[in-house]
Amino acid sequence: MTYTAESVEQLAEHFAQLPGIGRKTAHRLALYVLKMNREEVVSLAKALVNAKDKVRYCSVCSNITECGRRAQ
């Protein structure tokens, strides 16, 4: 299914890159994001960046951990 909005297609393409997410589910997620209010979308985006910046694998036990340093 193709939508005319390029932004929706780009968002769906990014969701489709996640493990276990096919094209139909990716489009459903993209459409769901469009229905969210702006504050919820900003909060989701911040949570993604925050996790990427703060979470890393522990060099001792190989578990994931949150650290004040930027993840490598």
PDB file of N, CA and C in Angstrom:
ATOM      1  N   MET A   1       0.846  -1.168   0.000  1.00  0.00           N
ATOM      2  CA  MET A   1       0.000   0.000   0.000  1.00  0.00           C
ATOM      3  C   MET A   1       0.893   1.234   0.000  1.00  0.00           C
ATOM      4  N   THR A   2       0.618   2.159  -0.892  1.00  0.00           N
ATOM      5  CA  THR A   2       1.408   3.371  -0.993  1.00  0.00           C
ATOM      6  C   THR A   2       0.545   4.570  -0.677  1.00  0.00           C
ATOM      7  N   TYR A   3       1.062   5.451   0.120  1.00  0.00           N
ATOM      8  CA  TYR A   3       0.373   6.682   0.464  1.00  0.00           C
ATOM      9  C   TYR A   3       1.014   7.822  -0.308  1.00  0.00           C
ATOM     10  N   THR A   4       0.255   8.867  -0.531  1.00  0.00           N
ATOM     11  CA  THR A   4       0.791   9.973  -1.313  1.00  0.00           C
ATOM     12  C   THR A   4       1.779  10.825  -0.531  1.00  0.00           C
ATOM     13  N   ALA A   5       1.689  10.834   0.793  1.00  0.00           N
ATOM     14  CA  ALA A   5       2.591  11.650   1.598  1.00  0.00           C
ATOM     15  C   ALA A   5       3.952  10.964   1.733  1.00  0.00           C
ATOM     16  N   GLU A   6       4.963  11.631   1.232  1.00  0.00           N
ATOM     17  CA  GLU A   6       6.321  11.079   1.293  1.00  0.00           C
ATOM     18  C   GLU A   6       6.783  10.891   2.742  1.00  0.00           C
ATOM     19  N   SER A   7       6.376  11.792   3.620  1.00  0.00           N
ATOM     20  CA  SER A   7       6.758  11.686   5.030  1.00  0.00           C
ATOM     21  C   SER A   7       6.214  10.412   5.668  1.00  0.00           C
ATOM     22  N   VAL A   8       4.988  10.031   5.311  1.00  0.00           N
ATOM     23  CA  VAL A   8       4.396   8.796   5.838  1.00  0.00           C
ATOM     24  C   VAL A   8       5.163   7.593   5.310  1.00  0.00           C
ATOM     25  N   GLU A   9       5.523   7.610   4.048  1.00  0.00           N
ATOM     26  CA  GLU A   9       6.285   6.506   3.454  1.00  0.00           C
ATOM     27  C   GLU A   9       7.651   6.377   4.122  1.00  0.00           C
ATOM     28  N   GLN A  10       8.319   7.502   4.360  1.00  0.00           N
ATOM     29  CA  GLN A  10       9.634   7.460   5.012  1.00  0.00           C
ATOM     30  C   GLN A  10       9.522   6.907   6.426  1.00  0.00           C
ATOM     31  N   LEU A  11       8.512   7.335   7.151  1.00  0.00           N
ATOM     32  CA  LEU A  11       8.311   6.833   8.510  1.00  0.00           C
ATOM     33  C   LEU A  11       8.047   5.331   8.492  1.00  0.00           C
ATOM     34  N   ALA A  12       7.196   4.880   7.573  1.00  0.00           N
ATOM     35  CA  ALA A  12       6.896   3.446   7.454  1.00  0.00           C
ATOM     36  C   ALA A  12       8.146   2.656   7.083  1.00  0.00           C
ATOM     37  N   GLU A  13       8.981   3.204   6.226  1.00  0.00           N
ATOM     38  CA  GLU A  13      10.224   2.522   5.850  1.00  0.00           C
ATOM     39  C   GLU A  13      11.131   2.333   7.071  1.00  0.00           C
ATOM     40  N   HIS A  14      11.191   3.340   7.926  1.00  0.00           N
ATOM     41  CA  HIS A  14      12.005   3.220   9.134  1.00  0.00           C
ATOM     42  C   HIS A  14      11.426   2.168  10.079  1.00  0.00           C
ATOM     43  N   PHE A  15      10.111   2.173  10.273  1.00  0.00           N
ATOM     44  CA  PHE A  15       9.493   1.148  11.114  1.00  0.00           C
ATOM     45  C   PHE A  15       9.722  -0.242  10.536  1.00  0.00           C
ATOM     46  N   ALA A  16       9.680  -0.382   9.224  1.00  0.00           N
ATOM     47  CA  ALA A  16       9.846  -1.686   8.573  1.00  0.00           C
ATOM     48  C   ALA A  16      11.252  -2.249   8.771  1.00  0.00           C
ATOM     49  N   GLN A  17      12.208  -1.410   9.125  1.00  0.00           N
ATOM     50  CA  GLN A  17      13.571  -1.885   9.371  1.00  0.00           C
ATOM     51  C   GLN A  17      13.704  -2.544  10.744  1.00  0.00           C
ATOM     52  N   LEU A  18      12.722  -2.345  11.615  1.00  0.00           N
ATOM     53  CA  LEU A  18      12.764  -2.962  12.942  1.00  0.00           C
ATOM     54  C   LEU A  18      12.484  -4.462  12.819  1.00  0.00           C
ATOM     55  N   PRO A  19      13.122  -5.285  13.650  1.00  0.00           N
ATOM     56  CA  PRO A  19      12.906  -6.727  13.573  1.00  0.00           C
ATOM     57  C   PRO A  19      11.455  -7.088  13.876  1.00  0.00           C
ATOM     58  N   GLY A  20      10.888  -7.949  13.058  1.00  0.00           N
ATOM     59  CA  GLY A  20       9.531  -8.441  13.264  1.00  0.00           C
ATOM     60  C   GLY A  20       8.448  -7.514  12.752  1.00  0.00           C
ATOM     61  N   ILE A  21       8.819  -6.396  12.143  1.00  0.00           N
ATOM     62  CA  ILE A  21       7.844  -5.442  11.627  1.00  0.00           C
ATOM     63  C   ILE A  21       7.818  -5.531  10.104  1.00  0.00           C
ATOM     64  N   GLY A  22       6.706  -5.985   9.581  1.00  0.00           N
ATOM     65  CA  GLY A  22       6.532  -6.047   8.130  1.00  0.00           C
ATOM     66  C   GLY A  22       5.992  -4.733   7.601  1.00  0.00           C
ATOM     67  N   ARG A  23       5.791  -4.673   6.275  1.00  0.00           N
ATOM     68  CA  ARG A  23       5.338  -3.423   5.655  1.00  0.00           C
ATOM     69  C   ARG A  23       3.953  -2.997   6.130  1.00  0.00           C
ATOM     70  N   LYS A  24       3.031  -3.938   6.258  1.00  0.00           N
ATOM     71  CA  LYS A  24       1.678  -3.568   6.691  1.00  0.00           C
ATOM     72  C   LYS A  24       1.687  -3.023   8.111  1.00  0.00           C
ATOM     73  N   THR A  25       2.408  -3.686   8.995  1.00  0.00           N
ATOM     74  CA  THR A  25       2.506  -3.213  10.371  1.00  0.00           C
ATOM     75  C   THR A  25       3.225  -1.874  10.420  1.00  0.00           C
ATOM     76  N   ALA A  26       4.255  -1.705   9.610  1.00  0.00           N
ATOM     77  CA  ALA A  26       4.989  -0.440   9.564  1.00  0.00           C
ATOM     78  C   ALA A  26       4.059   0.706   9.166  1.00  0.00           C
ATOM     79  N   HIS A  27       3.194   0.453   8.190  1.00  0.00           N
ATOM     80  CA  HIS A  27       2.235   1.490   7.787  1.00  0.00           C
ATOM     81  C   HIS A  27       1.211   1.754   8.891  1.00  0.00           C
ATOM     82  N   ARG A  28       0.785   0.708   9.575  1.00  0.00           N
ATOM     83  CA  ARG A  28      -0.149   0.902  10.691  1.00  0.00           C
ATOM     84  C   ARG A  28       0.487   1.765  11.779  1.00  0.00           C
ATOM     85  N   LEU A  29       1.753   1.486  12.088  1.00  0.00           N
ATOM     86  CA  LEU A  29       2.458   2.278  13.095  1.00  0.00           C
ATOM     87  C   LEU A  29       2.607   3.732  12.651  1.00  0.00           C
ATOM     88  N   ALA A  30       2.949   3.937  11.394  1.00  0.00           N
ATOM     89  CA  ALA A  30       3.101   5.300  10.869  1.00  0.00           C
ATOM     90  C   ALA A  30       1.781   6.057  10.975  1.00  0.00           C
ATOM     91  N   LEU A  31       0.681   5.400  10.618  1.00  0.00           N
ATOM     92  CA  LEU A  31      -0.625   6.047  10.705  1.00  0.00           C
ATOM     93  C   LEU A  31      -1.011   6.304  12.159  1.00  0.00           C
ATOM     94  N   TYR A  32      -0.625   5.413  13.053  1.00  0.00           N
ATOM     95  CA  TYR A  32      -0.897   5.613  14.472  1.00  0.00           C
ATOM     96  C   TYR A  32      -0.149   6.851  14.980  1.00  0.00           C
ATOM     97  N   VAL A  33       1.099   6.998  14.570  1.00  0.00           N
ATOM     98  CA  VAL A  33       1.887   8.156  14.981  1.00  0.00           C
ATOM     99  C   VAL A  33       1.205   9.445  14.515  1.00  0.00           C
ATOM    100  N   LEU A  34       0.622   9.433  13.328  1.00  0.00           N
ATOM    101  CA  LEU A  34      -0.081  10.617  12.826  1.00  0.00           C
ATOM    102  C   LEU A  34      -1.281  10.980  13.702  1.00  0.00           C
ATOM    103  N   LYS A  35      -1.896   9.982  14.326  1.00  0.00           N
ATOM    104  CA  LYS A  35      -3.052  10.229  15.186  1.00  0.00           C
ATOM    105  C   LYS A  35      -2.653  10.700  16.582  1.00  0.00           C
ATOM    106  N   MET A  36      -1.398  10.468  16.967  1.00  0.00           N
ATOM    107  CA  MET A  36      -0.914  10.892  18.283  1.00  0.00           C
ATOM    108  C   MET A  36      -0.831  12.418  18.312  1.00  0.00           C
ATOM    109  N   ASN A  37      -0.995  12.999  19.509  1.00  0.00           N
ATOM    110  CA  ASN A  37      -0.804  14.450  19.569  1.00  0.00           C
ATOM    111  C   ASN A  37       0.694  14.750  19.548  1.00  0.00           C
ATOM    112  N   ARG A  38       1.009  15.979  19.227  1.00  0.00           N
ATOM    113  CA  ARG A  38       2.407  16.368  19.022  1.00  0.00           C
ATOM    114  C   ARG A  38       3.261  16.092  20.255  1.00  0.00           C
ATOM    115  N   GLU A  39       2.732  16.357  21.429  1.00  0.00           N
ATOM    116  CA  GLU A  39       3.498  16.149  22.657  1.00  0.00           C
ATOM    117  C   GLU A  39       3.881  14.680  22.834  1.00  0.00           C
ATOM    118  N   GLU A  40       2.973  13.773  22.488  1.00  0.00           N
ATOM    119  CA  GLU A  40       3.270  12.341  22.584  1.00  0.00           C
ATOM    120  C   GLU A  40       4.361  11.944  21.590  1.00  0.00           C
ATOM    121  N   VAL A  41       4.318  12.512  20.394  1.00  0.00           N
ATOM    122  CA  VAL A  41       5.328  12.203  19.374  1.00  0.00           C
ATOM    123  C   VAL A  41       6.692  12.729  19.813  1.00  0.00           C
ATOM    124  N   VAL A  42       6.725  13.936  20.349  1.00  0.00           N
ATOM    125  CA  VAL A  42       7.981  14.510  20.840  1.00  0.00           C
ATOM    126  C   VAL A  42       8.524  13.668  21.988  1.00  0.00           C
ATOM    127  N   SER A  43       7.646  13.228  22.881  1.00  0.00           N
ATOM    128  CA  SER A  43       8.062  12.389  24.003  1.00  0.00           C
ATOM    129  C   SER A  43       8.642  11.064  23.506  1.00  0.00           C
ATOM    130  N   LEU A  44       8.001  10.460  22.515  1.00  0.00           N
ATOM    131  CA  LEU A  44       8.513   9.212  21.924  1.00  0.00           C
ATOM    132  C   LEU A  44       9.888   9.435  21.301  1.00  0.00           C
ATOM    133  N   ALA A  45      10.034  10.514  20.550  1.00  0.00           N
ATOM    134  CA  ALA A  45      11.318  10.817  19.912  1.00  0.00           C
ATOM    135  C   ALA A  45      12.406  11.036  20.961  1.00  0.00           C
ATOM    136  N   LYS A  46      12.083  11.753  22.028  1.00  0.00           N
ATOM    137  CA  LYS A  46      13.055  11.990  23.102  1.00  0.00           C
ATOM    138  C   LYS A  46      13.442  10.689  23.793  1.00  0.00           C
ATOM    139  N   ALA A  47      12.461   9.799  24.001  1.00  0.00           N
ATOM    140  CA  ALA A  47      12.753   8.511  24.648  1.00  0.00           C
ATOM    141  C   ALA A  47      13.696   7.674  23.789  1.00  0.00           C
ATOM    142  N   LEU A  48      13.500   7.695  22.480  1.00  0.00           N
ATOM    143  CA  LEU A  48      14.387   6.954  21.573  1.00  0.00           C
ATOM    144  C   LEU A  48      15.813   7.491  21.655  1.00  0.00           C
ATOM    145  N   VAL A  49      15.961   8.805  21.557  1.00  0.00           N
ATOM    146  CA  VAL A  49      17.288   9.417  21.602  1.00  0.00           C
ATOM    147  C   VAL A  49      17.927   9.212  22.977  1.00  0.00           C
ATOM    148  N   ASN A  50      17.142   9.353  24.032  1.00  0.00           N
ATOM    149  CA  ASN A  50      17.643   9.177  25.391  1.00  0.00           C
ATOM    150  C   ASN A  50      18.177   7.756  25.600  1.00  0.00           C
ATOM    151  N   ALA A  51      17.418   6.766  25.157  1.00  0.00           N
ATOM    152  CA  ALA A  51      17.866   5.374  25.292  1.00  0.00           C
ATOM    153  C   ALA A  51      19.146   5.143  24.486  1.00  0.00           C
ATOM    154  N   LYS A  52      19.191   5.681  23.278  1.00  0.00           N
ATOM    155  CA  LYS A  52      20.372   5.503  22.430  1.00  0.00           C
ATOM    156  C   LYS A  52      21.603   6.141  23.065  1.00  0.00           C
ATOM    157  N   ASP A  53      21.421   7.313  23.691  1.00  0.00           N
ATOM    158  CA  ASP A  53      22.546   8.026  24.287  1.00  0.00           C
ATOM    159  C   ASP A  53      23.013   7.433  25.612  1.00  0.00           C
ATOM    160  N   LYS A  54      22.097   6.867  26.410  1.00  0.00           N
ATOM    161  CA  LYS A  54      22.450   6.470  27.771  1.00  0.00           C
ATOM    162  C   LYS A  54      22.631   4.973  28.004  1.00  0.00           C
ATOM    163  N   VAL A  55      22.068   4.138  27.163  1.00  0.00           N
ATOM    164  CA  VAL A  55      22.112   2.691  27.417  1.00  0.00           C
ATOM    165  C   VAL A  55      23.299   2.071  26.684  1.00  0.00           C
ATOM    166  N   ARG A  56      23.981   1.186  27.378  1.00  0.00           N
ATOM    167  CA  ARG A  56      25.130   0.485  26.782  1.00  0.00           C
ATOM    168  C   ARG A  56      25.204  -0.924  27.369  1.00  0.00           C
ATOM    169  N   TYR A  57      26.082  -1.718  26.820  1.00  0.00           N
ATOM    170  CA  TYR A  57      26.322  -3.053  27.362  1.00  0.00           C
ATOM    171  C   TYR A  57      27.421  -2.980  28.406  1.00  0.00           C
ATOM    172  N   CYS A  58      27.191  -3.609  29.550  1.00  0.00           N
ATOM    173  CA  CYS A  58      28.167  -3.650  30.630  1.00  0.00           C
ATOM    174  C   CYS A  58      29.374  -4.486  30.185  1.00  0.00           C
ATOM    175  N   SER A  59      30.555  -3.960  30.407  1.00  0.00           N
ATOM    176  CA  SER A  59      31.763  -4.689  30.012  1.00  0.00           C
ATOM    177  C   SER A  59      32.052  -5.872  30.924  1.00  0.00           C
ATOM    178  N   VAL A  60      31.415  -5.914  32.087  1.00  0.00           N
ATOM    179  CA  VAL A  60      31.638  -7.003  33.036  1.00  0.00           C
ATOM    180  C   VAL A  60      30.658  -8.149  32.807  1.00  0.00           C
ATOM    181  N   CYS A  61      29.361  -7.831  32.790  1.00  0.00           N
ATOM    182  CA  CYS A  61      28.352  -8.903  32.727  1.00  0.00           C
ATOM    183  C   CYS A  61      27.615  -8.971  31.384  1.00  0.00           C
ATOM    184  N   SER A  62      27.884  -8.046  30.494  1.00  0.00           N
ATOM    185  CA  SER A  62      27.258  -7.971  29.169  1.00  0.00           C
ATOM    186  C   SER A  62      25.757  -7.699  29.217  1.00  0.00           C
ATOM    187  N   ASN A  63      25.265  -7.273  30.366  1.00  0.00           N
ATOM    188  CA  ASN A  63      23.870  -6.872  30.491  1.00  0.00           C
ATOM    189  C   ASN A  63      23.742  -5.435  30.003  1.00  0.00           C
ATOM    190  N   ILE A  64      22.527  -5.008  29.678  1.00  0.00           N
ATOM    191  CA  ILE A  64      22.378  -3.608  29.316  1.00  0.00           C
ATOM    192  C   ILE A  64      22.253  -2.779  30.579  1.00  0.00           C
ATOM    193  N   THR A  65      22.822  -1.591  30.546  1.00  0.00           N
ATOM    194  CA  THR A  65      22.834  -0.719  31.700  1.00  0.00           C
ATOM    195  C   THR A  65      22.747   0.723  31.248  1.00  0.00           C
ATOM    196  N   GLU A  66      22.271   1.585  32.139  1.00  0.00           N
ATOM    197  CA  GLU A  66      22.233   3.008  31.835  1.00  0.00           C
ATOM    198  C   GLU A  66      23.419   3.662  32.501  1.00  0.00           C
ATOM    199  N   CYS A  67      24.064   4.499  31.765  1.00  0.00           N
ATOM    200  CA  CYS A  67      25.283   5.132  32.226  1.00  0.00           C
ATOM    201  C   CYS A  67      25.208   6.624  31.903  1.00  0.00           C
ATOM    202  N   GLY A  68      25.867   7.445  32.674  1.00  0.00           N
ATOM    203  CA  GLY A  68      25.901   8.872  32.418  1.00  0.00           C
ATOM    204  C   GLY A  68      26.683   9.231  31.174  1.00  0.00           C
ATOM    205  N   ARG A  69      27.540   8.312  30.745  1.00  0.00           N
ATOM    206  CA  ARG A  69      28.340   8.566  29.538  1.00  0.00           C
ATOM    207  C   ARG A  69      27.526   8.253  28.300  1.00  0.00           C
ATOM    208  N   ARG A  70      27.951   8.808  27.191  1.00  0.00           N
ATOM    209  CA  ARG A  70      27.306   8.541  25.913  1.00  0.00           C
ATOM    210  C   ARG A  70      27.668   7.131  25.467  1.00  0.00           C
ATOM    211  N   ALA A  71      26.648   6.359  25.005  1.00  0.00           N
ATOM    212  CA  ALA A  71      26.876   4.978  24.543  1.00  0.00           C
ATOM    213  C   ALA A  71      27.735   4.991  23.279  1.00  0.00           C
ATOM    214  N   GLN A  72      28.595   4.026  23.166  1.00  0.00           N
ATOM    215  CA  GLN A  72      29.469   3.917  21.987  1.00  0.00           C
ATOM    216  C   GLN A  72      28.809   3.207  20.840  1.00  0.00           C
TER     217      GLN A  72
END
